[in-house]
Protein backbone atom coordinates (compact mmCIF):
# COMPACT_ATOMS: atom_id res chain seq x y z
CA MET A 1 -104.35 -29.22 -83.46
CA SER A 2 -101.16 -31.19 -82.97
CA VAL A 3 -98.28 -29.26 -81.42
CA SER A 4 -94.91 -30.88 -80.74
CA VAL A 5 -92.85 -29.98 -77.71
CA SER A 6 -89.27 -29.82 -78.93
CA MET A 7 -86.84 -27.19 -77.65
CA ARG A 8 -86.70 -23.83 -79.39
CA PRO A 9 -83.67 -23.37 -81.67
CA SER A 10 -80.43 -22.63 -79.84
CA ARG A 11 -78.07 -19.76 -80.57
CA THR A 12 -75.69 -22.27 -82.12
CA GLU A 13 -78.38 -23.46 -84.51
CA LEU A 14 -79.33 -19.90 -85.44
CA LEU A 15 -75.72 -18.91 -86.10
CA ALA A 16 -75.45 -21.96 -88.37
CA LEU A 17 -78.38 -20.89 -90.56
CA THR A 18 -76.05 -19.33 -93.13
CA PRO A 19 -72.27 -18.66 -93.25
CA ALA A 20 -71.31 -15.37 -91.64
CA ALA A 21 -68.56 -14.87 -94.24
CA ALA A 22 -71.20 -14.48 -96.96
CA ILE A 23 -72.52 -11.26 -95.39
CA GLN A 24 -70.51 -8.35 -96.81
CA PRO A 25 -70.45 -4.83 -95.33
CA ARG A 26 -73.04 -2.35 -96.51
CA PRO A 27 -71.40 -0.48 -99.42
CA GLN A 28 -72.84 2.94 -98.57
CA ARG A 29 -75.06 4.70 -96.05
CA TYR A 30 -78.68 3.60 -96.24
CA VAL A 31 -81.60 5.54 -94.78
CA GLY A 32 -84.28 2.96 -95.55
CA ASP A 33 -86.05 4.96 -98.25
CA SER A 34 -86.48 2.21 -100.85
CA VAL A 35 -90.10 1.08 -100.19
CA ALA A 36 -91.93 4.39 -100.41
CA ALA A 37 -94.25 6.52 -102.53
CA SER A 38 -95.57 10.05 -102.69
CA ILE A 39 -98.87 10.64 -100.96
CA ALA A 40 -99.94 12.16 -104.29
CA ALA A 41 -99.81 8.64 -105.76
CA LEU A 42 -102.69 7.56 -103.51
CA HIS A 43 -106.32 8.06 -104.43
CA PRO A 44 -107.38 11.46 -103.00
CA ALA A 45 -109.85 9.75 -100.65
CA ASP A 46 -107.09 7.45 -99.38
CA ALA A 47 -104.69 10.35 -98.96
CA ALA A 48 -107.29 12.07 -96.77
CA ILE A 49 -107.72 8.91 -94.66
CA VAL A 50 -103.96 8.59 -94.23
CA ARG A 51 -103.74 12.18 -93.03
CA GLU A 52 -106.60 11.57 -90.59
CA ILE A 53 -104.94 8.45 -89.16
CA TYR A 54 -101.58 10.23 -88.89
CA GLY A 55 -103.24 13.18 -87.16
CA PHE A 56 -105.08 10.96 -84.69
CA LEU A 57 -101.86 9.12 -83.85
CA GLY A 58 -100.18 12.49 -83.38
CA GLU A 59 -102.82 13.40 -80.80
CA LEU A 60 -102.22 10.08 -79.00
CA TYR A 61 -98.46 10.66 -79.08
CA ALA A 62 -98.98 13.84 -77.05
CA VAL A 63 -101.04 12.00 -74.43
CA HIS A 64 -99.08 10.58 -71.50
CA GLY A 65 -100.31 8.20 -68.84
CA LEU A 66 -103.26 5.88 -68.51
CA ALA A 67 -105.65 8.46 -67.06
CA ALA A 68 -105.04 10.85 -69.95
CA LEU A 69 -105.48 8.03 -72.46
CA ARG A 70 -108.81 7.08 -70.92
CA ALA A 71 -109.97 10.68 -71.24
CA HIS A 72 -108.90 10.82 -74.89
CA VAL A 73 -109.91 7.40 -76.23
CA ASP A 74 -113.59 6.46 -76.16
CA GLU A 75 -115.67 4.10 -78.28
CA ALA A 76 -116.36 6.82 -80.86
CA ALA A 77 -112.65 7.59 -81.34
CA LEU A 78 -111.80 3.90 -81.57
CA THR A 79 -114.60 3.20 -84.06
CA GLY A 80 -113.43 6.14 -86.15
CA LEU A 81 -109.88 4.78 -86.32
CA ILE A 82 -111.03 1.24 -87.20
CA THR A 83 -113.37 2.56 -89.90
CA ARG A 84 -110.58 4.60 -91.48
CA VAL A 85 -108.17 1.65 -91.50
CA ARG A 86 -110.77 -0.60 -93.12
CA ARG A 87 -111.60 1.97 -95.78
CA LEU A 88 -107.91 2.41 -96.51
CA GLY A 89 -107.49 -1.35 -96.74
CA ALA A 90 -110.12 -1.59 -99.47
CA ALA A 91 -107.59 -0.09 -101.88
CA LEU A 92 -105.48 -3.24 -101.66
CA ALA A 93 -108.13 -5.09 -103.67
CA ALA A 94 -108.35 -2.43 -106.37
CA ASP A 95 -107.65 -3.53 -109.92
CA GLY A 96 -104.54 -2.05 -111.45
CA LEU A 97 -102.88 -1.06 -108.18
CA SER A 98 -99.14 -1.43 -108.71
CA LEU A 99 -97.10 -3.76 -106.53
CA ALA A 100 -95.05 -0.78 -105.31
CA LEU A 101 -98.21 0.93 -104.04
CA ARG A 102 -99.55 -2.32 -102.58
CA LYS A 103 -96.42 -2.49 -100.45
CA VAL A 104 -96.94 1.05 -99.19
CA TYR A 105 -100.61 0.43 -98.41
CA HIS A 106 -99.70 -2.82 -96.65
CA ASP A 107 -97.46 -1.14 -94.10
CA LEU A 108 -99.65 1.94 -93.70
CA ARG A 109 -102.39 -0.30 -92.36
CA GLY A 110 -100.03 -2.93 -90.95
CA GLY A 111 -96.93 -2.19 -88.91
CA SER A 112 -97.90 -1.69 -85.28
CA LEU A 113 -101.45 -0.61 -86.08
CA ALA A 114 -103.22 -3.94 -85.49
CA ALA A 115 -101.74 -4.32 -82.01
CA LEU A 116 -102.39 -0.65 -81.29
CA VAL A 117 -106.10 -0.93 -82.14
CA MET A 118 -106.50 -3.87 -79.77
CA LEU A 119 -104.84 -2.00 -76.89
CA LEU A 120 -106.95 1.09 -77.55
CA ALA A 121 -110.01 -1.15 -77.35
CA ASP A 122 -108.89 -2.13 -73.86
CA VAL A 123 -108.54 1.56 -72.97
CA ALA A 124 -112.03 2.35 -74.26
CA ALA A 125 -113.44 -0.59 -72.29
CA GLY A 126 -111.67 0.47 -69.08
CA GLU A 127 -109.53 -2.69 -69.06
CA ALA A 128 -106.06 -1.24 -69.81
CA ASN A 129 -103.27 -0.90 -67.27
CA ASP A 130 -100.14 1.24 -66.96
CA GLN A 131 -98.04 -1.26 -68.90
CA ASP A 132 -100.57 -1.09 -71.75
CA ALA A 133 -100.28 2.70 -71.74
CA ASP A 134 -96.49 2.45 -72.08
CA GLN A 135 -96.83 0.02 -74.97
CA ILE A 136 -99.39 2.27 -76.68
CA PHE A 137 -96.89 5.13 -76.60
CA LEU A 138 -94.24 2.94 -78.28
CA LEU A 139 -96.66 1.59 -80.89
CA VAL A 140 -97.91 5.07 -81.77
CA ARG A 141 -94.36 6.38 -82.10
CA ASP A 142 -93.37 3.44 -84.30
CA HIS A 143 -96.35 3.67 -86.62
CA ARG A 144 -95.96 7.39 -87.21
CA LYS A 145 -92.34 6.76 -88.20
CA ILE A 146 -93.42 3.88 -90.45
CA MET A 147 -95.99 6.14 -92.13
CA ARG A 148 -93.33 8.81 -92.74
CA ASN A 149 -90.97 6.16 -94.07
CA ALA A 150 -93.60 4.89 -96.51
CA LEU A 151 -94.80 8.40 -97.51
CA PRO A 152 -91.92 10.88 -97.16
CA ASP A 153 -94.08 13.86 -98.11
CA LEU A 154 -96.81 13.04 -95.58
CA ASP A 155 -94.95 15.14 -92.99
CA PRO A 156 -91.93 16.78 -94.66
CA ALA A 157 -90.71 18.42 -91.45
CA GLY A 158 -90.97 15.15 -89.53
CA TYR A 159 -89.25 13.28 -92.35
CA ALA A 160 -86.38 15.78 -92.43
CA GLU A 161 -85.93 15.36 -88.67
CA ASP A 162 -85.95 11.56 -89.11
CA LEU A 163 -82.99 11.90 -91.47
CA CYS A 164 -80.83 13.74 -88.93
CA PRO A 165 -77.87 11.68 -87.67
CA ARG A 166 -78.96 9.94 -84.48
CA GLU A 167 -77.69 6.53 -83.45
CA HIS A 168 -80.29 4.05 -82.26
CA ASP A 169 -79.16 1.37 -79.85
CA ALA A 170 -80.22 -2.26 -79.92
CA ALA A 171 -81.45 -1.70 -76.37
CA LEU A 172 -84.41 0.18 -77.86
CA LEU A 173 -85.57 -3.01 -79.56
CA VAL A 174 -85.07 -5.04 -76.39
CA GLN A 175 -87.03 -2.49 -74.38
CA LYS A 176 -89.87 -2.50 -76.88
CA TRP A 177 -90.27 -6.22 -77.39
CA SER A 178 -89.12 -7.88 -74.15
CA GLY A 179 -92.12 -9.38 -72.41
CA ALA A 180 -94.50 -7.73 -74.84
CA THR A 181 -97.97 -9.18 -75.26
CA TYR A 182 -98.80 -8.70 -78.91
CA GLN A 183 -102.22 -9.10 -80.42
CA ILE A 184 -103.29 -9.95 -83.96
CA GLY A 185 -106.93 -10.38 -84.91
CA GLU A 186 -109.94 -10.31 -82.65
CA ALA A 187 -108.77 -12.68 -79.95
CA LYS A 188 -105.29 -14.09 -80.52
CA LYS A 189 -102.67 -12.77 -78.13
CA VAL A 190 -99.04 -13.84 -78.30
CA ALA A 191 -96.06 -13.38 -76.01
CA VAL A 192 -92.78 -12.16 -77.51
CA GLU A 193 -89.64 -13.74 -76.07
CA VAL A 194 -86.46 -11.72 -76.75
CA ASP A 195 -82.88 -13.00 -76.78
CA CYS A 196 -80.48 -10.11 -77.41
CA ASP A 197 -77.54 -9.01 -75.32
CA PHE A 198 -75.76 -7.04 -78.05
CA ALA A 199 -74.66 -3.59 -76.86
CA GLY A 200 -74.37 -1.14 -79.71
CA GLY A 201 -76.02 0.81 -82.48
CA VAL A 202 -78.31 -0.64 -85.15
CA SER A 203 -79.11 2.48 -87.17
CA GLU A 204 -77.68 5.92 -87.86
CA CYS A 205 -80.94 7.87 -88.03
CA CYS A 206 -84.64 7.58 -87.22
CA MET A 207 -85.55 6.85 -90.85
CA GLU A 208 -83.20 3.87 -91.03
CA PHE A 209 -84.62 2.64 -87.72
CA ALA A 210 -88.13 2.94 -89.20
CA ALA A 211 -87.05 0.72 -92.10
CA LEU A 212 -85.69 -1.82 -89.62
CA ASP A 213 -88.99 -1.61 -87.74
CA ARG A 214 -90.95 -2.30 -90.94
CA VAL A 215 -88.98 -5.52 -91.47
CA ILE A 216 -89.37 -6.63 -87.85
CA TYR A 217 -93.08 -5.80 -87.62
CA ASN A 218 -93.83 -7.68 -90.83
CA LEU A 219 -92.01 -10.77 -89.57
CA ILE A 220 -93.52 -10.61 -86.07
CA ASN A 221 -97.01 -10.04 -87.50
CA ASN A 222 -96.53 -13.12 -89.66
CA ALA A 223 -95.21 -15.23 -86.79
CA ALA A 224 -97.96 -14.04 -84.44
CA ARG A 225 -100.60 -15.03 -86.97
CA PHE A 226 -99.35 -18.61 -87.29
CA THR A 227 -97.74 -19.50 -83.96
CA ALA A 228 -99.09 -22.78 -82.66
CA ASP A 229 -98.40 -22.10 -78.98
CA GLY A 230 -98.98 -18.36 -78.55
CA VAL A 231 -95.28 -17.49 -78.44
CA VAL A 232 -93.03 -15.64 -80.91
CA SER A 233 -89.27 -15.70 -80.44
CA PHE A 234 -87.16 -12.69 -81.39
CA THR A 235 -83.39 -13.22 -81.40
CA ALA A 236 -80.60 -10.84 -82.46
CA LEU A 237 -77.04 -12.18 -82.61
CA PRO A 238 -73.82 -10.55 -83.88
CA ILE A 239 -72.22 -12.68 -86.59
CA SER A 240 -68.67 -11.59 -85.70
CA GLY A 241 -66.63 -10.12 -82.88
CA ALA A 242 -65.62 -7.07 -84.91
CA THR A 243 -66.58 -3.54 -83.86
CA ALA A 244 -68.47 -3.07 -87.12
CA THR A 245 -70.49 -6.24 -87.45
CA ASP A 246 -73.94 -7.35 -88.56
CA LEU A 247 -76.78 -8.63 -86.44
CA ARG A 248 -78.66 -11.74 -87.47
CA PHE A 249 -82.28 -11.16 -86.53
CA VAL A 250 -84.33 -14.33 -86.28
CA ILE A 251 -88.10 -14.36 -85.76
CA GLY A 252 -89.50 -17.80 -84.95
CA ASN A 253 -92.75 -19.54 -84.12
CA ARG A 254 -93.74 -23.09 -83.34
CA VAL A 255 -95.85 -24.82 -86.01
CA THR A 256 -98.21 -27.76 -85.91
CA GLU A 257 -97.50 -30.94 -87.84
CA ALA A 258 -100.17 -29.89 -90.35
CA GLN A 259 -98.59 -26.45 -90.82
CA ARG A 260 -95.17 -27.99 -91.28
CA ALA A 261 -96.44 -30.44 -93.90
CA LEU A 262 -98.24 -27.65 -95.78
CA LEU A 263 -95.12 -25.44 -95.89
CA VAL A 264 -92.90 -28.28 -97.10
CA ARG A 265 -95.41 -29.32 -99.75
CA ASP A 266 -96.30 -25.87 -101.07
CA LEU A 267 -92.75 -24.50 -101.06
CA GLU A 268 -91.14 -27.78 -102.14
CA GLY A 269 -88.76 -27.67 -99.20
CA ASP A 270 -87.38 -24.19 -100.02
CA LEU A 271 -89.05 -22.03 -97.40
CA SER A 272 -87.01 -18.96 -98.34
CA ARG A 273 -89.27 -18.65 -101.39
CA ILE A 274 -91.78 -16.86 -99.16
CA PHE A 275 -89.70 -13.69 -99.60
CA ARG A 276 -90.16 -13.76 -103.37
CA GLY A 277 -93.90 -13.18 -103.20
CA GLY A 278 -96.75 -15.15 -104.65
CA TYR A 279 -97.27 -17.36 -101.61
CA THR A 280 -99.76 -16.52 -98.88
CA THR A 281 -102.10 -18.38 -96.57
CA GLY A 282 -104.67 -15.73 -95.86
CA GLY A 283 -102.88 -12.40 -96.26
CA VAL A 284 -102.24 -10.19 -99.27
CA GLY A 285 -98.82 -11.69 -99.89
CA VAL A 286 -96.61 -8.58 -99.89
CA GLY A 287 -95.41 -8.23 -96.28
CA LEU A 288 -92.48 -10.59 -96.68
CA GLN A 289 -91.66 -9.11 -100.08
CA ILE A 290 -91.22 -5.78 -98.29
CA CYS A 291 -88.65 -7.43 -96.02
CA GLY A 292 -86.79 -8.69 -99.06
CA ASP A 293 -86.80 -5.24 -100.63
CA PHE A 294 -85.31 -3.52 -97.59
CA ILE A 295 -82.53 -6.08 -97.14
CA THR A 296 -81.70 -6.12 -100.86
CA HIS A 297 -81.48 -2.34 -101.13
CA GLY A 298 -79.85 -1.95 -97.73
CA TYR A 299 -76.90 -4.14 -98.70
CA GLY A 300 -76.71 -2.85 -102.28
CA LEU A 301 -77.50 -6.26 -103.76
CA SER A 302 -78.70 -6.80 -107.31
CA SER A 303 -81.90 -8.67 -106.46
CA VAL A 304 -83.88 -10.50 -103.81
CA SER A 305 -82.66 -13.71 -105.47
CA ALA A 306 -79.07 -12.68 -104.74
CA ALA A 307 -79.99 -11.83 -101.14
CA LEU A 308 -81.58 -15.25 -100.67
CA ARG A 309 -78.74 -17.08 -102.43
CA ASP A 310 -76.13 -15.58 -100.11
CA GLY A 311 -78.21 -15.89 -96.94
CA TYR A 312 -78.80 -12.20 -96.20
CA LEU A 313 -82.32 -13.36 -95.42
CA GLY A 314 -84.13 -16.65 -95.52
CA ALA A 315 -86.50 -19.06 -93.82
CA ARG A 316 -86.21 -22.62 -92.59
CA LEU A 317 -87.77 -25.24 -90.38
CA ILE A 318 -85.77 -26.32 -87.34
CA ARG A 319 -87.68 -29.26 -85.93
CA ASP A 320 -91.17 -27.84 -85.28
CA PHE A 321 -90.07 -24.19 -85.43
CA PHE A 322 -90.44 -21.95 -88.44
CA VAL A 323 -87.64 -19.37 -88.41
CA ALA A 324 -87.17 -16.38 -90.70
CA TRP A 325 -83.96 -14.38 -90.56
CA PHE A 326 -82.35 -11.27 -91.96
CA HIS A 327 -79.23 -9.22 -91.33
CA TRP A 328 -78.69 -5.58 -90.45
CA PRO A 329 -75.43 -3.66 -89.92
CA ALA A 330 -74.50 -2.81 -86.34
CA ARG A 331 -71.65 -1.22 -84.39
CA ARG A 332 -70.57 -2.18 -80.90
CA SER A 333 -70.76 0.49 -78.20
CA GLY A 334 -67.83 2.72 -77.39
CA GLU A 335 -66.47 2.83 -80.92
CA GLN A 336 -66.79 5.71 -83.35
CA GLY A 337 -67.22 5.28 -87.09
């Protein structure tokens, strides 16, 4: 594998990805409810599996500290979770499953779940530490919110609480991802490097924050899968000095010369096409479409094509780095809407 050693993209380069003036304010409040389905739309067997996974994560959410986790998570519990996720994943290959439902299934078994399973395996094997326990708590919290976001009637009371006005600060993202060791697959571990010093809110309620999480997790999962050096970069930069601004989130990973050549050849130089769907190198091909859906609906745009045309999201190669970006409204601290 050939890996180049150029510098990671600078803030200046990331701010130059697309003109800030093209990003218009969100026309109305958005709670991130545009990539969802009723649990009744799932096959009854799948609905039961989803409820079992949600219930198990609820039990974990109530467990605090490494010692308590070790008492709660054994090989049987871990095997049960993995078996349920795999059985749920089988539905993605079903004939006639609509794209809308494929997107819901994708994030039900995606999101933070892959990394969570790997950390729980460390707990079951007696190899986890206190930092792992803290990360497990965050991953469990995130995935339960993602599940409620994707299936609003899975937990109606929890969903209603998620809709209550509650500002979420960018510091929550920094806390969650800074220095995180993230794992995809059986062996590949990646380090997440965060660059964000923005002080202010990035969502007005838990449900909007869950939508933002679904975009970020899909992009980080993608970058973690293909990074050539075991590192994923996560940058969030305000595009203006105004109180009400937008953050440009950029997820990046180094690529090999072979990966770079394949992307340029397959996408004919227009890497932003990955958000349109139909292109995948080993996945099911809907994770990045989900990102496009959230950004398009969140900004009240007419289509993903319009979002890509105006730079609300996109992808590009900067030297030997693949970068994917999107925007999200934000408000600097100390100012009221």
